[in-house]
mmCIF file of all heavy atoms, coordinates in Angstrom:
data_MODEL
# 
_entry.id   MODEL 
# 
loop_
_atom_site.group_PDB 
_atom_site.id 
_atom_site.type_symbol 
_atom_site.label_atom_id 
_atom_site.label_alt_id 
_atom_site.label_comp_id 
_atom_site.label_asym_id 
_atom_site.label_entity_id 
_atom_site.label_seq_id 
_atom_site.pdbx_PDB_ins_code 
_atom_site.Cartn_x 
_atom_site.Cartn_y 
_atom_site.Cartn_z 
_atom_site.occupancy 
_atom_site.B_iso_or_equiv 
_atom_site.pdbx_formal_charge 
_atom_site.auth_seq_id 
_atom_site.auth_comp_id 
_atom_site.auth_asym_id 
_atom_site.auth_atom_id 
_atom_site.pdbx_PDB_model_num 
ATOM 1   N N   . PRO A 1 1  ? 0.819  -13.906 -6.514 1.00 0.00 ? 1  PRO A N   1 
ATOM 2   C CA  . PRO A 1 1  ? 0.840  -12.638 -5.786 1.00 0.00 ? 1  PRO A CA  1 
ATOM 3   C C   . PRO A 1 1  ? 2.239  -12.314 -5.299 1.00 0.00 ? 1  PRO A C   1 
ATOM 4   O O   . PRO A 1 1  ? 3.036  -13.201 -5.000 1.00 0.00 ? 1  PRO A O   1 
ATOM 5   C CB  . PRO A 1 1  ? -0.104 -12.903 -4.604 1.00 0.00 ? 1  PRO A CB  1 
ATOM 6   C CG  . PRO A 1 1  ? -0.087 -14.376 -4.419 1.00 0.00 ? 1  PRO A CG  1 
ATOM 7   C CD  . PRO A 1 1  ? 0.120  -14.957 -5.780 1.00 0.00 ? 1  PRO A CD  1 
ATOM 8   N N   . THR A 1 2  ? 2.537  -11.017 -5.224 1.00 0.00 ? 2  THR A N   1 
ATOM 9   C CA  . THR A 1 2  ? 3.803  -10.573 -4.655 1.00 0.00 ? 2  THR A CA  1 
ATOM 10  C C   . THR A 1 2  ? 3.479  -9.682  -3.474 1.00 0.00 ? 2  THR A C   1 
ATOM 11  O O   . THR A 1 2  ? 2.886  -8.618  -3.630 1.00 0.00 ? 2  THR A O   1 
ATOM 12  C CB  . THR A 1 2  ? 4.618  -9.789  -5.698 1.00 0.00 ? 2  THR A CB  1 
ATOM 13  O OG1 . THR A 1 2  ? 3.816  -8.715  -6.214 1.00 0.00 ? 2  THR A OG1 1 
ATOM 14  C CG2 . THR A 1 2  ? 5.040  -10.684 -6.848 1.00 0.00 ? 2  THR A CG2 1 
ATOM 15  N N   . TRP A 1 3  ? 3.858  -10.132 -2.291 1.00 0.00 ? 3  TRP A N   1 
ATOM 16  C CA  . TRP A 1 3  ? 3.460  -9.422  -1.079 1.00 0.00 ? 3  TRP A CA  1 
ATOM 17  C C   . TRP A 1 3  ? 4.444  -8.338  -0.709 1.00 0.00 ? 3  TRP A C   1 
ATOM 18  O O   . TRP A 1 3  ? 4.109  -7.414  0.006  1.00 0.00 ? 3  TRP A O   1 
ATOM 19  C CB  . TRP A 1 3  ? 3.322  -10.423 0.077  1.00 0.00 ? 3  TRP A CB  1 
ATOM 20  C CG  . TRP A 1 3  ? 2.402  -11.532 -0.289 1.00 0.00 ? 3  TRP A CG  1 
ATOM 21  C CD1 . TRP A 1 3  ? 2.732  -12.837 -0.531 1.00 0.00 ? 3  TRP A CD1 1 
ATOM 22  C CD2 . TRP A 1 3  ? 1.005  -11.446 -0.522 1.00 0.00 ? 3  TRP A CD2 1 
ATOM 23  N NE1 . TRP A 1 3  ? 1.629  -13.551 -0.892 1.00 0.00 ? 3  TRP A NE1 1 
ATOM 24  C CE2 . TRP A 1 3  ? 0.552  -12.727 -0.890 1.00 0.00 ? 3  TRP A CE2 1 
ATOM 25  C CE3 . TRP A 1 3  ? 0.081  -10.409 -0.463 1.00 0.00 ? 3  TRP A CE3 1 
ATOM 26  C CZ2 . TRP A 1 3  ? -0.775 -12.988 -1.172 1.00 0.00 ? 3  TRP A CZ2 1 
ATOM 27  C CZ3 . TRP A 1 3  ? -1.242 -10.682 -0.753 1.00 0.00 ? 3  TRP A CZ3 1 
ATOM 28  C CH2 . TRP A 1 3  ? -1.659 -11.957 -1.098 1.00 0.00 ? 3  TRP A CH2 1 
ATOM 29  N N   . GLY A 1 4  ? 5.677  -8.395  -1.174 1.00 0.00 ? 4  GLY A N   1 
ATOM 30  C CA  . GLY A 1 4  ? 6.646  -7.350  -0.894 1.00 0.00 ? 4  GLY A CA  1 
ATOM 31  C C   . GLY A 1 4  ? 7.164  -7.417  0.527  1.00 0.00 ? 4  GLY A C   1 
ATOM 32  O O   . GLY A 1 4  ? 6.902  -8.346  1.283  1.00 0.00 ? 4  GLY A O   1 
ATOM 33  N N   . THR A 1 5  ? 7.907  -6.412  0.889  1.00 0.00 ? 5  THR A N   1 
ATOM 34  C CA  . THR A 1 5  ? 8.440  -6.323  2.236  1.00 0.00 ? 5  THR A CA  1 
ATOM 35  C C   . THR A 1 5  ? 7.401  -5.703  3.143  1.00 0.00 ? 5  THR A C   1 
ATOM 36  O O   . THR A 1 5  ? 6.416  -5.124  2.676  1.00 0.00 ? 5  THR A O   1 
ATOM 37  C CB  . THR A 1 5  ? 9.702  -5.442  2.242  1.00 0.00 ? 5  THR A CB  1 
ATOM 38  O OG1 . THR A 1 5  ? 9.309  -4.104  1.890  1.00 0.00 ? 5  THR A OG1 1 
ATOM 39  C CG2 . THR A 1 5  ? 10.726 -5.953  1.254  1.00 0.00 ? 5  THR A CG2 1 
ATOM 40  N N   . PRO A 1 6  ? 7.593  -5.796  4.486  1.00 0.00 ? 6  PRO A N   1 
ATOM 41  C CA  . PRO A 1 6  ? 6.631  -5.192  5.402  1.00 0.00 ? 6  PRO A CA  1 
ATOM 42  C C   . PRO A 1 6  ? 6.441  -3.700  5.176  1.00 0.00 ? 6  PRO A C   1 
ATOM 43  O O   . PRO A 1 6  ? 5.410  -3.149  5.517  1.00 0.00 ? 6  PRO A O   1 
ATOM 44  C CB  . PRO A 1 6  ? 7.244  -5.470  6.777  1.00 0.00 ? 6  PRO A CB  1 
ATOM 45  C CG  . PRO A 1 6  ? 8.070  -6.691  6.586  1.00 0.00 ? 6  PRO A CG  1 
ATOM 46  C CD  . PRO A 1 6  ? 8.620  -6.574  5.196  1.00 0.00 ? 6  PRO A CD  1 
ATOM 47  N N   . GLY A 1 7  ? 7.413  -3.015  4.620  1.00 0.00 ? 7  GLY A N   1 
ATOM 48  C CA  . GLY A 1 7  ? 7.286  -1.590  4.419  1.00 0.00 ? 7  GLY A CA  1 
ATOM 49  C C   . GLY A 1 7  ? 6.689  -1.207  3.077  1.00 0.00 ? 7  GLY A C   1 
ATOM 50  O O   . GLY A 1 7  ? 6.569  -0.029  2.776  1.00 0.00 ? 7  GLY A O   1 
ATOM 51  N N   . SER A 1 8  ? 6.323  -2.170  2.244  1.00 0.00 ? 8  SER A N   1 
ATOM 52  C CA  . SER A 1 8  ? 5.816  -1.863  0.913  1.00 0.00 ? 8  SER A CA  1 
ATOM 53  C C   . SER A 1 8  ? 4.307  -1.684  0.936  1.00 0.00 ? 8  SER A C   1 
ATOM 54  O O   . SER A 1 8  ? 3.635  -1.995  1.904  1.00 0.00 ? 8  SER A O   1 
ATOM 55  C CB  . SER A 1 8  ? 6.189  -2.983  -0.061 1.00 0.00 ? 8  SER A CB  1 
ATOM 56  O OG  . SER A 1 8  ? 5.498  -4.164  0.264  1.00 0.00 ? 8  SER A OG  1 
ATOM 57  N N   . GLY A 1 9  ? 3.780  -1.192  -0.187 1.00 0.00 ? 9  GLY A N   1 
ATOM 58  C CA  . GLY A 1 9  ? 2.338  -1.112  -0.347 1.00 0.00 ? 9  GLY A CA  1 
ATOM 59  C C   . GLY A 1 9  ? 1.729  0.238   -0.093 1.00 0.00 ? 9  GLY A C   1 
ATOM 60  O O   . GLY A 1 9  ? 0.545  0.444   -0.369 1.00 0.00 ? 9  GLY A O   1 
ATOM 61  N N   . ALA A 1 10 ? 2.476  1.207   0.436  1.00 0.00 ? 10 ALA A N   1 
ATOM 62  C CA  . ALA A 1 10 ? 1.912  2.525   0.704  1.00 0.00 ? 10 ALA A CA  1 
ATOM 63  C C   . ALA A 1 10 ? 1.530  3.213   -0.600 1.00 0.00 ? 10 ALA A C   1 
ATOM 64  O O   . ALA A 1 10 ? 2.204  3.067   -1.612 1.00 0.00 ? 10 ALA A O   1 
ATOM 65  C CB  . ALA A 1 10 ? 2.902  3.376   1.490  1.00 0.00 ? 10 ALA A CB  1 
ATOM 66  N N   . VAL A 1 11 ? 0.419  3.936   -0.575 1.00 0.00 ? 11 VAL A N   1 
ATOM 67  C CA  . VAL A 1 11 ? -0.009 4.714   -1.730 1.00 0.00 ? 11 VAL A CA  1 
ATOM 68  C C   . VAL A 1 11 ? 0.052  6.197   -1.371 1.00 0.00 ? 11 VAL A C   1 
ATOM 69  O O   . VAL A 1 11 ? -0.113 6.571   -0.212 1.00 0.00 ? 11 VAL A O   1 
ATOM 70  C CB  . VAL A 1 11 ? -1.423 4.317   -2.195 1.00 0.00 ? 11 VAL A CB  1 
ATOM 71  C CG1 . VAL A 1 11 ? -1.440 2.890   -2.690 1.00 0.00 ? 11 VAL A CG1 1 
ATOM 72  C CG2 . VAL A 1 11 ? -2.441 4.494   -1.070 1.00 0.00 ? 11 VAL A CG2 1 
ATOM 73  N N   . ALA A 1 12 ? 0.276  7.018   -2.383 1.00 0.00 ? 12 ALA A N   1 
ATOM 74  C CA  . ALA A 1 12 ? 0.489  8.444   -2.149 1.00 0.00 ? 12 ALA A CA  1 
ATOM 75  C C   . ALA A 1 12 ? -0.656 9.278   -2.695 1.00 0.00 ? 12 ALA A C   1 
ATOM 76  O O   . ALA A 1 12 ? -0.444 10.272  -3.385 1.00 0.00 ? 12 ALA A O   1 
ATOM 77  C CB  . ALA A 1 12 ? 1.818  8.877   -2.768 1.00 0.00 ? 12 ALA A CB  1 
ATOM 78  N N   . TRP A 1 13 ? -1.887 8.873   -2.423 1.00 0.00 ? 13 TRP A N   1 
ATOM 79  C CA  . TRP A 1 13 ? -3.036 9.677   -2.819 1.00 0.00 ? 13 TRP A CA  1 
ATOM 80  C C   . TRP A 1 13 ? -3.082 10.902  -1.910 1.00 0.00 ? 13 TRP A C   1 
ATOM 81  O O   . TRP A 1 13 ? -3.087 10.770  -0.689 1.00 0.00 ? 13 TRP A O   1 
ATOM 82  C CB  . TRP A 1 13 ? -4.324 8.877   -2.683 1.00 0.00 ? 13 TRP A CB  1 
ATOM 83  C CG  . TRP A 1 13 ? -4.333 7.589   -3.452 1.00 0.00 ? 13 TRP A CG  1 
ATOM 84  C CD1 . TRP A 1 13 ? -3.654 7.299   -4.602 1.00 0.00 ? 13 TRP A CD1 1 
ATOM 85  C CD2 . TRP A 1 13 ? -5.078 6.410   -3.120 1.00 0.00 ? 13 TRP A CD2 1 
ATOM 86  N NE1 . TRP A 1 13 ? -3.928 6.013   -5.007 1.00 0.00 ? 13 TRP A NE1 1 
ATOM 87  C CE2 . TRP A 1 13 ? -4.801 5.441   -4.117 1.00 0.00 ? 13 TRP A CE2 1 
ATOM 88  C CE3 . TRP A 1 13 ? -5.943 6.084   -2.088 1.00 0.00 ? 13 TRP A CE3 1 
ATOM 89  C CZ2 . TRP A 1 13 ? -5.363 4.173   -4.096 1.00 0.00 ? 13 TRP A CZ2 1 
ATOM 90  C CZ3 . TRP A 1 13 ? -6.516 4.815   -2.060 1.00 0.00 ? 13 TRP A CZ3 1 
ATOM 91  C CH2 . TRP A 1 13 ? -6.228 3.874   -3.062 1.00 0.00 ? 13 TRP A CH2 1 
ATOM 92  N N   . GLU A 1 14 ? -3.131 12.072  -2.476 1.00 0.00 ? 14 GLU A N   1 
ATOM 93  C CA  . GLU A 1 14 ? -3.042 13.300  -1.689 1.00 0.00 ? 14 GLU A CA  1 
ATOM 94  C C   . GLU A 1 14 ? -4.125 13.357  -0.612 1.00 0.00 ? 14 GLU A C   1 
ATOM 95  O O   . GLU A 1 14 ? -5.314 13.213  -0.896 1.00 0.00 ? 14 GLU A O   1 
ATOM 96  C CB  . GLU A 1 14 ? -3.156 14.523  -2.598 1.00 0.00 ? 14 GLU A CB  1 
ATOM 97  C CG  . GLU A 1 14 ? -2.924 15.834  -1.866 1.00 0.00 ? 14 GLU A CG  1 
ATOM 98  C CD  . GLU A 1 14 ? -2.954 17.024  -2.797 1.00 0.00 ? 14 GLU A CD  1 
ATOM 99  O OE1 . GLU A 1 14 ? -4.067 17.546  -3.034 1.00 0.00 ? 14 GLU A OE1 1 
ATOM 100 O OE2 . GLU A 1 14 ? -1.886 17.409  -3.304 1.00 0.00 ? 14 GLU A OE2 1 
ATOM 101 N N   . GLY A 1 15 ? -3.695 13.549  0.620  1.00 0.00 ? 15 GLY A N   1 
ATOM 102 C CA  . GLY A 1 15 ? -4.615 13.640  1.750  1.00 0.00 ? 15 GLY A CA  1 
ATOM 103 C C   . GLY A 1 15 ? -4.883 12.323  2.440  1.00 0.00 ? 15 GLY A C   1 
ATOM 104 O O   . GLY A 1 15 ? -5.319 12.311  3.601  1.00 0.00 ? 15 GLY A O   1 
ATOM 105 N N   . ALA A 1 16 ? -4.660 11.208  1.746  1.00 0.00 ? 16 ALA A N   1 
ATOM 106 C CA  . ALA A 1 16 ? -4.980 9.904   2.329  1.00 0.00 ? 16 ALA A CA  1 
ATOM 107 C C   . ALA A 1 16 ? -4.122 9.634   3.553  1.00 0.00 ? 16 ALA A C   1 
ATOM 108 O O   . ALA A 1 16 ? -2.928 9.927   3.564  1.00 0.00 ? 16 ALA A O   1 
ATOM 109 C CB  . ALA A 1 16 ? -4.801 8.800   1.299  1.00 0.00 ? 16 ALA A CB  1 
ATOM 110 N N   . VAL A 1 17 ? -4.733 9.065   4.574  1.00 0.00 ? 17 VAL A N   1 
ATOM 111 C CA  . VAL A 1 17 ? -4.051 8.742   5.826  1.00 0.00 ? 17 VAL A CA  1 
ATOM 112 C C   . VAL A 1 17 ? -4.072 7.226   6.024  1.00 0.00 ? 17 VAL A C   1 
ATOM 113 O O   . VAL A 1 17 ? -5.105 6.580   5.829  1.00 0.00 ? 17 VAL A O   1 
ATOM 114 C CB  . VAL A 1 17 ? -4.739 9.444   7.025  1.00 0.00 ? 17 VAL A CB  1 
ATOM 115 C CG1 . VAL A 1 17 ? -4.126 8.999   8.347  1.00 0.00 ? 17 VAL A CG1 1 
ATOM 116 C CG2 . VAL A 1 17 ? -4.650 10.956  6.871  1.00 0.00 ? 17 VAL A CG2 1 
ATOM 117 N N   . ASN A 1 18 ? -2.916 6.681   6.380  1.00 0.00 ? 18 ASN A N   1 
ATOM 118 C CA  . ASN A 1 18 ? -2.823 5.246   6.668  1.00 0.00 ? 18 ASN A CA  1 
ATOM 119 C C   . ASN A 1 18 ? -3.255 4.416   5.467  1.00 0.00 ? 18 ASN A C   1 
ATOM 120 O O   . ASN A 1 18 ? -3.934 3.394   5.613  1.00 0.00 ? 18 ASN A O   1 
ATOM 121 C CB  . ASN A 1 18 ? -3.678 4.904   7.892  1.00 0.00 ? 18 ASN A CB  1 
ATOM 122 C CG  . ASN A 1 18 ? -3.004 3.916   8.821  1.00 0.00 ? 18 ASN A CG  1 
ATOM 123 O OD1 . ASN A 1 18 ? -1.879 3.469   8.576  1.00 0.00 ? 18 ASN A OD1 1 
ATOM 124 N ND2 . ASN A 1 18 ? -3.688 3.546   9.890  1.00 0.00 ? 18 ASN A ND2 1 
ATOM 125 N N   . ALA A 1 19 ? -2.854 4.840   4.295  1.00 0.00 ? 19 ALA A N   1 
ATOM 126 C CA  . ALA A 1 19 ? -3.322 4.222   3.054  1.00 0.00 ? 19 ALA A CA  1 
ATOM 127 C C   . ALA A 1 19 ? -2.251 3.328   2.456  1.00 0.00 ? 19 ALA A C   1 
ATOM 128 O O   . ALA A 1 19 ? -1.094 3.726   2.333  1.00 0.00 ? 19 ALA A O   1 
ATOM 129 C CB  . ALA A 1 19 ? -3.719 5.299   2.053  1.00 0.00 ? 19 ALA A CB  1 
ATOM 130 N N   . ARG A 1 20 ? -2.664 2.132   2.070  1.00 0.00 ? 20 ARG A N   1 
ATOM 131 C CA  . ARG A 1 20 ? -1.736 1.200   1.422  1.00 0.00 ? 20 ARG A CA  1 
ATOM 132 C C   . ARG A 1 20 ? -2.524 0.101   0.726  1.00 0.00 ? 20 ARG A C   1 
ATOM 133 O O   . ARG A 1 20 ? -3.723 -0.076  0.944  1.00 0.00 ? 20 ARG A O   1 
ATOM 134 C CB  . ARG A 1 20 ? -0.765 0.590   2.437  1.00 0.00 ? 20 ARG A CB  1 
ATOM 135 C CG  . ARG A 1 20 ? -1.414 -0.125  3.608  1.00 0.00 ? 20 ARG A CG  1 
ATOM 136 C CD  . ARG A 1 20 ? -0.382 -0.529  4.654  1.00 0.00 ? 20 ARG A CD  1 
ATOM 137 N NE  . ARG A 1 20 ? 0.476  0.563   5.048  1.00 0.00 ? 20 ARG A NE  1 
ATOM 138 C CZ  . ARG A 1 20 ? 0.143  1.464   5.979  1.00 0.00 ? 20 ARG A CZ  1 
ATOM 139 N NH1 . ARG A 1 20 ? -1.014 1.397   6.603  1.00 0.00 ? 20 ARG A NH1 1 
ATOM 140 N NH2 . ARG A 1 20 ? 0.964  2.444   6.280  1.00 0.00 ? 20 ARG A NH2 1 
ATOM 141 N N   . ARG A 1 21 ? -1.841 -0.644  -0.092 1.00 0.00 ? 21 ARG A N   1 
ATOM 142 C CA  . ARG A 1 21 ? -2.448 -1.788  -0.765 1.00 0.00 ? 21 ARG A CA  1 
ATOM 143 C C   . ARG A 1 21 ? -2.496 -2.964  0.201  1.00 0.00 ? 21 ARG A C   1 
ATOM 144 O O   . ARG A 1 21 ? -1.515 -3.268  0.891  1.00 0.00 ? 21 ARG A O   1 
ATOM 145 C CB  . ARG A 1 21 ? -1.620 -2.164  -1.993 1.00 0.00 ? 21 ARG A CB  1 
ATOM 146 C CG  . ARG A 1 21 ? -2.245 -3.234  -2.871 1.00 0.00 ? 21 ARG A CG  1 
ATOM 147 C CD  . ARG A 1 21 ? -1.279 -3.679  -3.962 1.00 0.00 ? 21 ARG A CD  1 
ATOM 148 N NE  . ARG A 1 21 ? -0.852 -2.572  -4.800 1.00 0.00 ? 21 ARG A NE  1 
ATOM 149 C CZ  . ARG A 1 21 ? -1.495 -2.174  -5.894 1.00 0.00 ? 21 ARG A CZ  1 
ATOM 150 N NH1 . ARG A 1 21 ? -2.596 -2.790  -6.274 1.00 0.00 ? 21 ARG A NH1 1 
ATOM 151 N NH2 . ARG A 1 21 ? -1.026 -1.155  -6.606 1.00 0.00 ? 21 ARG A NH2 1 
ATOM 152 N N   . VAL A 1 22 ? -3.647 -3.629  0.270  1.00 0.00 ? 22 VAL A N   1 
ATOM 153 C CA  . VAL A 1 22 ? -3.756 -4.872  1.034  1.00 0.00 ? 22 VAL A CA  1 
ATOM 154 C C   . VAL A 1 22 ? -3.156 -6.002  0.209  1.00 0.00 ? 22 VAL A C   1 
ATOM 155 O O   . VAL A 1 22 ? -2.207 -6.673  0.622  1.00 0.00 ? 22 VAL A O   1 
ATOM 156 C CB  . VAL A 1 22 ? -5.220 -5.182  1.399  1.00 0.00 ? 22 VAL A CB  1 
ATOM 157 C CG1 . VAL A 1 22 ? -5.322 -6.520  2.143  1.00 0.00 ? 22 VAL A CG1 1 
ATOM 158 C CG2 . VAL A 1 22 ? -5.816 -4.060  2.245  1.00 0.00 ? 22 VAL A CG2 1 
ATOM 159 N N   . ALA A 1 23 ? -3.707 -6.203  -0.957 1.00 0.00 ? 23 ALA A N   1 
ATOM 160 C CA  . ALA A 1 23 ? -3.223 -7.209  -1.909 1.00 0.00 ? 23 ALA A CA  1 
ATOM 161 C C   . ALA A 1 23 ? -3.997 -7.033  -3.198 1.00 0.00 ? 23 ALA A C   1 
ATOM 162 O O   . ALA A 1 23 ? -5.179 -6.678  -3.178 1.00 0.00 ? 23 ALA A O   1 
ATOM 163 C CB  . ALA A 1 23 ? -3.415 -8.622  -1.371 1.00 0.00 ? 23 ALA A CB  1 
ATOM 164 N N   . GLY A 1 24 ? -3.339 -7.280  -4.328 1.00 0.00 ? 24 GLY A N   1 
ATOM 165 C CA  . GLY A 1 24 ? -4.024 -7.194  -5.610 1.00 0.00 ? 24 GLY A CA  1 
ATOM 166 C C   . GLY A 1 24 ? -4.630 -5.823  -5.827 1.00 0.00 ? 24 GLY A C   1 
ATOM 167 O O   . GLY A 1 24 ? -3.946 -4.802  -5.722 1.00 0.00 ? 24 GLY A O   1 
ATOM 168 N N   . ASP A 1 25 ? -5.940 -5.781  -6.083 1.00 0.00 ? 25 ASP A N   1 
ATOM 169 C CA  . ASP A 1 25 ? -6.596 -4.490  -6.323 1.00 0.00 ? 25 ASP A CA  1 
ATOM 170 C C   . ASP A 1 25 ? -7.465 -4.066  -5.138 1.00 0.00 ? 25 ASP A C   1 
ATOM 171 O O   . ASP A 1 25 ? -8.444 -3.333  -5.305 1.00 0.00 ? 25 ASP A O   1 
ATOM 172 C CB  . ASP A 1 25 ? -7.402 -4.511  -7.623 1.00 0.00 ? 25 ASP A CB  1 
ATOM 173 C CG  . ASP A 1 25 ? -8.614 -5.429  -7.577 1.00 0.00 ? 25 ASP A CG  1 
ATOM 174 O OD1 . ASP A 1 25 ? -8.790 -6.160  -6.579 1.00 0.00 ? 25 ASP A OD1 1 
ATOM 175 O OD2 . ASP A 1 25 ? -9.403 -5.419  -8.551 1.00 0.00 ? 25 ASP A OD2 1 
# 
């Protein structure tokens, strides 16, 4: 697994609020 930096993982689904990847899928 690659966890990235603390600022990584955000997703840009239109309208989504507070959305990001936890881990994997």
